[in-house]
Amino acid sequence: MTEKPVEEMSFEEAMRELETVVSQLERGDVALEDSIRLYERGAALKARCEVKLKEAEEKVASITLDRDGTPTGTAPVGDL
């Protein structure tokens, strides 16, 4: 597990660490205090993944296409 702040992680970094946290919690061989700390870190990592996925969805949704289907740029999501 890294000590990198969750809010600075990419989606891939957060997902990788979340998988590690879940694995450790599932093994059940972690002390209670450590389990609580891992659970809190896991919740923050899950939230980070959700934010990064939403950002990606918004970027994809904002891509505009010309008549031939070629991307021409982006439009504000609210304009779609």
N, C-alpha and C. Protein backbone atom coordinates (compact mmCIF):
# COMPACT_ATOMS: atom_id res chain seq x y z
N MET A 1 0.85 -1.18 0.00
CA MET A 1 0.00 0.00 0.00
C MET A 1 0.89 1.24 0.00
N THR A 2 0.51 2.21 -0.81
CA THR A 2 1.30 3.44 -0.89
C THR A 2 0.76 4.46 0.09
N GLU A 3 1.53 5.46 0.33
CA GLU A 3 1.09 6.56 1.18
C GLU A 3 0.76 7.79 0.34
N LYS A 4 0.71 7.62 -0.97
CA LYS A 4 0.37 8.72 -1.86
C LYS A 4 -1.05 9.19 -1.55
N PRO A 5 -1.27 10.50 -1.47
CA PRO A 5 -2.62 10.99 -1.21
C PRO A 5 -3.59 10.50 -2.28
N VAL A 6 -4.73 10.02 -1.85
CA VAL A 6 -5.73 9.44 -2.77
C VAL A 6 -6.13 10.45 -3.83
N GLU A 7 -6.26 11.72 -3.46
CA GLU A 7 -6.73 12.73 -4.41
C GLU A 7 -5.71 13.02 -5.52
N GLU A 8 -4.49 12.52 -5.39
CA GLU A 8 -3.47 12.69 -6.41
C GLU A 8 -3.32 11.47 -7.31
N MET A 9 -4.07 10.40 -7.03
CA MET A 9 -3.93 9.15 -7.77
C MET A 9 -4.71 9.15 -9.07
N SER A 10 -4.13 8.46 -10.04
CA SER A 10 -4.86 8.20 -11.28
C SER A 10 -5.88 7.10 -10.99
N PHE A 11 -6.78 6.88 -11.93
CA PHE A 11 -7.75 5.81 -11.77
C PHE A 11 -7.04 4.47 -11.58
N GLU A 12 -6.04 4.21 -12.41
CA GLU A 12 -5.33 2.94 -12.35
C GLU A 12 -4.62 2.73 -11.02
N GLU A 13 -3.99 3.78 -10.51
CA GLU A 13 -3.31 3.67 -9.21
C GLU A 13 -4.32 3.38 -8.10
N ALA A 14 -5.41 4.11 -8.10
CA ALA A 14 -6.43 3.93 -7.06
C ALA A 14 -7.04 2.54 -7.13
N MET A 15 -7.32 2.06 -8.33
CA MET A 15 -7.92 0.75 -8.50
C MET A 15 -6.98 -0.35 -8.04
N ARG A 16 -5.71 -0.22 -8.40
CA ARG A 16 -4.71 -1.21 -8.00
C ARG A 16 -4.60 -1.28 -6.47
N GLU A 17 -4.54 -0.11 -5.82
CA GLU A 17 -4.43 -0.11 -4.37
C GLU A 17 -5.72 -0.60 -3.72
N LEU A 18 -6.87 -0.26 -4.30
CA LEU A 18 -8.15 -0.74 -3.77
C LEU A 18 -8.19 -2.27 -3.80
N GLU A 19 -7.70 -2.87 -4.87
CA GLU A 19 -7.65 -4.33 -4.95
C GLU A 19 -6.78 -4.91 -3.84
N THR A 20 -5.68 -4.25 -3.54
CA THR A 20 -4.79 -4.71 -2.46
C THR A 20 -5.49 -4.60 -1.11
N VAL A 21 -6.18 -3.49 -0.88
CA VAL A 21 -6.90 -3.28 0.38
C VAL A 21 -7.97 -4.35 0.56
N VAL A 22 -8.75 -4.60 -0.47
CA VAL A 22 -9.81 -5.61 -0.40
C VAL A 22 -9.21 -6.98 -0.10
N SER A 23 -8.12 -7.30 -0.76
CA SER A 23 -7.46 -8.59 -0.54
C SER A 23 -7.02 -8.74 0.92
N GLN A 24 -6.44 -7.69 1.46
CA GLN A 24 -5.98 -7.75 2.86
C GLN A 24 -7.17 -7.91 3.81
N LEU A 25 -8.25 -7.19 3.56
CA LEU A 25 -9.42 -7.29 4.42
C LEU A 25 -10.08 -8.67 4.31
N GLU A 26 -10.10 -9.23 3.11
CA GLU A 26 -10.71 -10.54 2.91
C GLU A 26 -9.94 -11.65 3.61
N ARG A 27 -8.63 -11.50 3.71
CA ARG A 27 -7.81 -12.52 4.39
C ARG A 27 -8.19 -12.62 5.86
N GLY A 28 -8.56 -11.49 6.44
CA GLY A 28 -8.99 -11.50 7.84
C GLY A 28 -7.88 -11.64 8.86
N ASP A 29 -6.65 -11.51 8.45
CA ASP A 29 -5.55 -11.65 9.40
C ASP A 29 -4.95 -10.31 9.80
N VAL A 30 -5.76 -9.26 9.69
CA VAL A 30 -5.30 -7.91 10.01
C VAL A 30 -5.91 -7.50 11.36
N ALA A 31 -5.12 -6.87 12.18
CA ALA A 31 -5.60 -6.41 13.49
C ALA A 31 -6.76 -5.44 13.30
N LEU A 32 -7.60 -5.33 14.31
CA LEU A 32 -8.81 -4.51 14.23
C LEU A 32 -8.50 -3.07 13.84
N GLU A 33 -7.55 -2.44 14.49
CA GLU A 33 -7.21 -1.05 14.17
C GLU A 33 -6.73 -0.91 12.74
N ASP A 34 -5.93 -1.86 12.28
CA ASP A 34 -5.45 -1.84 10.91
C ASP A 34 -6.61 -2.06 9.94
N SER A 35 -7.55 -2.92 10.31
CA SER A 35 -8.72 -3.17 9.47
C SER A 35 -9.54 -1.90 9.29
N ILE A 36 -9.70 -1.16 10.35
CA ILE A 36 -10.45 0.10 10.28
C ILE A 36 -9.73 1.08 9.37
N ARG A 37 -8.42 1.19 9.53
CA ARG A 37 -7.62 2.09 8.69
C ARG A 37 -7.70 1.66 7.23
N LEU A 38 -7.61 0.36 6.97
CA LEU A 38 -7.71 -0.14 5.60
C LEU A 38 -9.09 0.12 5.01
N TYR A 39 -10.13 -0.08 5.81
CA TYR A 39 -11.49 0.16 5.33
C TYR A 39 -11.66 1.63 4.94
N GLU A 40 -11.16 2.54 5.78
CA GLU A 40 -11.26 3.97 5.48
C GLU A 40 -10.50 4.32 4.21
N ARG A 41 -9.31 3.76 4.06
CA ARG A 41 -8.51 4.01 2.85
C ARG A 41 -9.23 3.43 1.63
N GLY A 42 -9.81 2.26 1.79
CA GLY A 42 -10.55 1.64 0.70
C GLY A 42 -11.75 2.47 0.28
N ALA A 43 -12.46 3.05 1.24
CA ALA A 43 -13.61 3.89 0.91
C ALA A 43 -13.16 5.13 0.13
N ALA A 44 -12.04 5.72 0.53
CA ALA A 44 -11.51 6.89 -0.18
C ALA A 44 -11.06 6.50 -1.59
N LEU A 45 -10.44 5.34 -1.73
CA LEU A 45 -9.99 4.88 -3.04
C LEU A 45 -11.19 4.61 -3.96
N LYS A 46 -12.24 4.02 -3.42
CA LYS A 46 -13.45 3.75 -4.20
C LYS A 46 -14.05 5.06 -4.69
N ALA A 47 -14.11 6.05 -3.81
CA ALA A 47 -14.66 7.36 -4.19
C ALA A 47 -13.80 7.99 -5.29
N ARG A 48 -12.48 7.86 -5.19
CA ARG A 48 -11.58 8.42 -6.20
C ARG A 48 -11.82 7.75 -7.56
N CYS A 49 -11.97 6.44 -7.55
CA CYS A 49 -12.24 5.72 -8.80
C CYS A 49 -13.55 6.20 -9.42
N GLU A 50 -14.56 6.41 -8.61
CA GLU A 50 -15.85 6.89 -9.11
C GLU A 50 -15.72 8.27 -9.74
N VAL A 51 -14.96 9.16 -9.11
CA VAL A 51 -14.75 10.51 -9.64
C VAL A 51 -14.03 10.44 -10.98
N LYS A 52 -12.96 9.65 -11.04
CA LYS A 52 -12.18 9.55 -12.28
C LYS A 52 -13.01 8.92 -13.41
N LEU A 53 -13.85 7.94 -13.09
CA LEU A 53 -14.72 7.35 -14.11
C LEU A 53 -15.73 8.37 -14.62
N LYS A 54 -16.30 9.16 -13.72
CA LYS A 54 -17.27 10.18 -14.12
C LYS A 54 -16.60 11.21 -15.02
N GLU A 55 -15.38 11.62 -14.68
CA GLU A 55 -14.65 12.57 -15.51
C GLU A 55 -14.43 12.00 -16.91
N ALA A 56 -14.06 10.73 -16.99
CA ALA A 56 -13.83 10.10 -18.28
C ALA A 56 -15.13 10.01 -19.08
N GLU A 57 -16.22 9.65 -18.42
CA GLU A 57 -17.52 9.57 -19.10
C GLU A 57 -17.91 10.94 -19.66
N GLU A 58 -17.68 11.99 -18.89
CA GLU A 58 -18.02 13.34 -19.34
C GLU A 58 -17.18 13.75 -20.55
N LYS A 59 -15.90 13.38 -20.54
CA LYS A 59 -15.04 13.71 -21.68
C LYS A 59 -15.51 12.98 -22.94
N VAL A 60 -15.83 11.70 -22.79
CA VAL A 60 -16.31 10.92 -23.94
C VAL A 60 -17.62 11.50 -24.45
N ALA A 61 -18.52 11.84 -23.54
CA ALA A 61 -19.82 12.37 -23.92
C ALA A 61 -19.69 13.73 -24.60
N SER A 62 -18.63 14.45 -24.35
CA SER A 62 -18.49 15.79 -24.90
C SER A 62 -17.84 15.83 -26.27
N ILE A 63 -17.35 14.70 -26.76
CA ILE A 63 -16.71 14.67 -28.08
C ILE A 63 -17.77 14.87 -29.15
N THR A 64 -17.52 15.82 -30.05
CA THR A 64 -18.45 16.05 -31.15
C THR A 64 -17.88 15.44 -32.42
N LEU A 65 -18.77 15.00 -33.30
CA LEU A 65 -18.37 14.36 -34.54
C LEU A 65 -18.89 15.16 -35.72
N ASP A 66 -18.12 15.16 -36.82
CA ASP A 66 -18.62 15.80 -38.03
C ASP A 66 -19.51 14.81 -38.79
N ARG A 67 -19.97 15.18 -39.97
CA ARG A 67 -20.89 14.32 -40.73
C ARG A 67 -20.29 12.96 -41.07
N ASP A 68 -18.97 12.88 -41.18
CA ASP A 68 -18.30 11.62 -41.51
C ASP A 68 -17.97 10.80 -40.26
N GLY A 69 -18.30 11.31 -39.09
CA GLY A 69 -18.01 10.59 -37.86
C GLY A 69 -16.62 10.85 -37.31
N THR A 70 -15.95 11.87 -37.82
CA THR A 70 -14.61 12.23 -37.36
C THR A 70 -14.72 13.19 -36.18
N PRO A 71 -13.99 12.91 -35.10
CA PRO A 71 -14.03 13.84 -33.97
C PRO A 71 -13.55 15.23 -34.40
N THR A 72 -14.29 16.26 -34.02
CA THR A 72 -13.95 17.63 -34.41
C THR A 72 -13.56 18.48 -33.21
N GLY A 73 -13.71 17.98 -32.04
CA GLY A 73 -13.42 18.75 -30.84
C GLY A 73 -14.35 18.32 -29.75
N THR A 74 -14.51 19.19 -28.80
CA THR A 74 -15.41 18.85 -27.70
C THR A 74 -16.41 19.96 -27.52
N ALA A 75 -17.53 19.57 -26.98
CA ALA A 75 -18.59 20.52 -26.66
C ALA A 75 -18.86 20.40 -25.18
N PRO A 76 -19.30 21.46 -24.55
CA PRO A 76 -19.66 21.33 -23.13
C PRO A 76 -20.72 20.26 -22.95
N VAL A 77 -20.58 19.46 -21.91
CA VAL A 77 -21.50 18.35 -21.67
C VAL A 77 -22.93 18.83 -21.62
N GLY A 78 -23.17 19.99 -21.05
CA GLY A 78 -24.52 20.51 -20.94
C GLY A 78 -25.16 20.82 -22.27
N ASP A 79 -24.36 20.96 -23.35
CA ASP A 79 -24.89 21.27 -24.67
C ASP A 79 -25.31 20.05 -25.46
N LEU A 80 -25.10 18.86 -24.90
CA LEU A 80 -25.44 17.64 -25.64
C LEU A 80 -26.90 17.34 -25.56
